[in-house]
C-alpha atoms as a PDB file:
ATOM      1  CA  MET A   1     249.159  79.493 165.580  1.00  0.00           C
ATOM      2  CA  LEU A   2     252.333  81.334 166.312  1.00  0.00           C
ATOM      3  CA  LEU A   3     255.705  79.832 163.557  1.00  0.00           C
ATOM      4  CA  ASN A   4     257.966  79.022 166.661  1.00  0.00           C
ATOM      5  CA  GLU A   5     255.175  77.014 168.148  1.00  0.00           C
ATOM      6  CA  ILE A   6     255.125  74.967 164.946  1.00  0.00           C
ATOM      7  CA  ILE A   7     258.129  74.460 164.296  1.00  0.00           C
ATOM      8  CA  ALA A   8     259.110  72.921 167.828  1.00  0.00           C
ATOM      9  CA  GLU A   9     255.809  70.907 167.612  1.00  0.00           C
ATOM     10  CA  LYS A  10     256.804  69.304 164.210  1.00  0.00           C
ATOM     11  CA  LEU A  11     260.704  68.422 166.033  1.00  0.00           C
ATOM     12  CA  GLU A  12     259.409  67.121 168.924  1.00  0.00           C
ATOM     13  CA  ASN A  13     256.699  64.699 166.695  1.00  0.00           C
ATOM     14  CA  LEU A  14     260.096  63.645 164.378  1.00  0.00           C
ATOM     15  CA  HIS A  15     262.252  62.650 167.087  1.00  0.00           C
ATOM     16  CA  LYS A  16     260.010  61.170 168.577  1.00  0.00           C
ATOM     17  CA  GLU A  17     258.483  58.975 165.758  1.00  0.00           C
ATOM     18  CA  ARG A  18     262.099  58.367 165.319  1.00  0.00           C
ATOM     19  CA  LYS A  19     262.347  56.971 169.221  1.00  0.00           C
ATOM     20  CA  MET A  20     265.721  59.179 169.194  1.00  0.00           C
ATOM     21  CA  GLY A  21     266.069  61.139 172.406  1.00  0.00           C
ATOM     22  CA  VAL A  22     266.991  64.557 172.923  1.00  0.00           C
ATOM     23  CA  TYR A  23     269.541  63.985 174.402  1.00  0.00           C
ATOM     24  CA  THR A  24     271.077  61.909 170.939  1.00  0.00           C
ATOM     25  CA  LEU A  25     269.068  64.695 168.918  1.00  0.00           C
ATOM     26  CA  CYS A  26     271.961  67.463 170.352  1.00  0.00           C
ATOM     27  CA  ASN A  27     274.222  65.228 170.299  1.00  0.00           C
ATOM     28  CA  ARG A  28     274.181  64.510 166.520  1.00  0.00           C
ATOM     29  CA  ALA A  29     273.451  67.805 166.091  1.00  0.00           C
ATOM     30  CA  ALA A  30     276.460  69.259 167.403  1.00  0.00           C
ATOM     31  CA  ILE A  31     273.561  71.535 169.192  1.00  0.00           C
ATOM     32  CA  SER A  32     273.369  72.362 172.996  1.00  0.00           C
ATOM     33  CA  TYR A  33     270.681  70.710 174.421  1.00  0.00           C
ATOM     34  CA  GLU A  34     269.629  74.291 175.676  1.00  0.00           C
ATOM     35  CA  THR A  35     269.341  75.699 172.233  1.00  0.00           C
ATOM     36  CA  TYR A  36     266.807  72.461 171.816  1.00  0.00           C
ATOM     37  CA  ARG A  37     264.874  73.311 174.877  1.00  0.00           C
ATOM     38  CA  SER A  38     264.665  77.133 174.247  1.00  0.00           C
ATOM     39  CA  ILE A  39     263.403  75.993 170.879  1.00  0.00           C
ATOM     40  CA  ARG A  40     261.180  73.309 172.741  1.00  0.00           C
ATOM     41  CA  THR A  41     259.906  75.445 175.332  1.00  0.00           C
ATOM     42  CA  ASN A  42     259.224  78.344 172.583  1.00  0.00           C
ATOM     43  CA  LYS A  43     261.780  80.846 174.569  1.00  0.00           C
ATOM     44  CA  ASN A  44     264.143  80.911 171.674  1.00  0.00           C
ATOM     45  CA  LYS A  45     262.298  83.421 169.519  1.00  0.00           C
ATOM     46  CA  ASP A  46     264.859  83.569 166.693  1.00  0.00           C
ATOM     47  CA  ILE A  47     265.412  80.268 165.472  1.00  0.00           C
ATOM     48  CA  TYR A  48     268.201  80.119 162.972  1.00  0.00           C
ATOM     49  CA  LEU A  49     267.497  78.364 159.731  1.00  0.00           C
ATOM     50  CA  ARG A  50     271.386  77.164 159.957  1.00  0.00           C
ATOM     51  CA  THR A  51     270.018  75.343 163.633  1.00  0.00           C
ATOM     52  CA  LEU A  52     266.511  73.591 162.085  1.00  0.00           C
ATOM     53  CA  LEU A  53     268.121  72.689 158.894  1.00  0.00           C
ATOM     54  CA  ILE A  54     270.207  70.954 160.933  1.00  0.00           C
ATOM     55  CA  LEU A  55     268.012  69.257 162.977  1.00  0.00           C
ATOM     56  CA  LEU A  56     266.387  68.229 160.101  1.00  0.00           C
ATOM     57  CA  ARG A  57     269.532  66.792 158.461  1.00  0.00           C
ATOM     58  CA  THR A  58     270.300  64.813 161.861  1.00  0.00           C
ATOM     59  CA  LEU A  59     266.479  63.828 161.534  1.00  0.00           C
ATOM     60  CA  GLY A  60     266.850  62.614 158.071  1.00  0.00           C
ATOM     61  CA  VAL A  61     263.783  64.990 156.918  1.00  0.00           C
ATOM     62  CA  THR A  62     264.267  67.215 153.958  1.00  0.00           C
ATOM     63  CA  ALA A  63     263.266  71.092 154.322  1.00  0.00           C
ATOM     64  CA  GLU A  64     260.376  70.836 151.754  1.00  0.00           C
ATOM     65  CA  GLU A  65     258.729  67.503 153.392  1.00  0.00           C
ATOM     66  CA  PHE A  66     259.104  69.554 157.132  1.00  0.00           C
ATOM     67  CA  PHE A  67     257.604  72.740 155.637  1.00  0.00           C
ATOM     68  CA  SER A  68     254.793  71.120 153.192  1.00  0.00           C
ATOM     69  CA  ASP A  69     252.925  70.849 156.454  1.00  0.00           C
ATOM     70  CA  PRO A  70     249.886  72.986 155.178  1.00  0.00           C
ATOM     71  CA  ARG A  71     250.067  75.071 158.417  1.00  0.00           C
ATOM     72  CA  PHE A  72     253.083  77.067 157.553  1.00  0.00           C
ATOM     73  CA  GLU A  73     250.776  78.107 154.550  1.00  0.00           C
ATOM     74  CA  SER A  74     247.740  79.121 156.764  1.00  0.00           C
ATOM     75  CA  GLU A  75     246.217  82.591 156.228  1.00  0.00           C
ATOM     76  CA  GLU A  76     246.390  82.948 160.289  1.00  0.00           C
ATOM     77  CA  LEU A  77     249.882  81.675 160.582  1.00  0.00           C
ATOM     78  CA  ASP A  78     251.369  84.555 162.930  1.00  0.00           C
ATOM     79  CA  ILE A  79     255.043  85.247 161.783  1.00  0.00           C
ATOM     80  CA  ASP A  80     255.653  87.623 164.738  1.00  0.00           C
ATOM     81  CA  PHE A  81     257.781  86.287 167.203  1.00  0.00           C
ATOM     82  CA  LYS A  82     256.377  87.078 170.571  1.00  0.00           C
END
């Protein structure tokens, strides 16, 4: 699985678990909907760490919690953005 696919999936799950709409998330994180949409649809091949950390903070999740997913440690993780 591609790294950006895992990140997109986890972000989607987090905002749904917190019952936070996408527009609310974007507004609170002060990022554009287009930026978030490009992450969700894997069109953004270069996700800025700053953007990811802002989203995680807005969702109330630490980077440690987010990256504790075993898929990030898998030998099958493809970190090349294609």
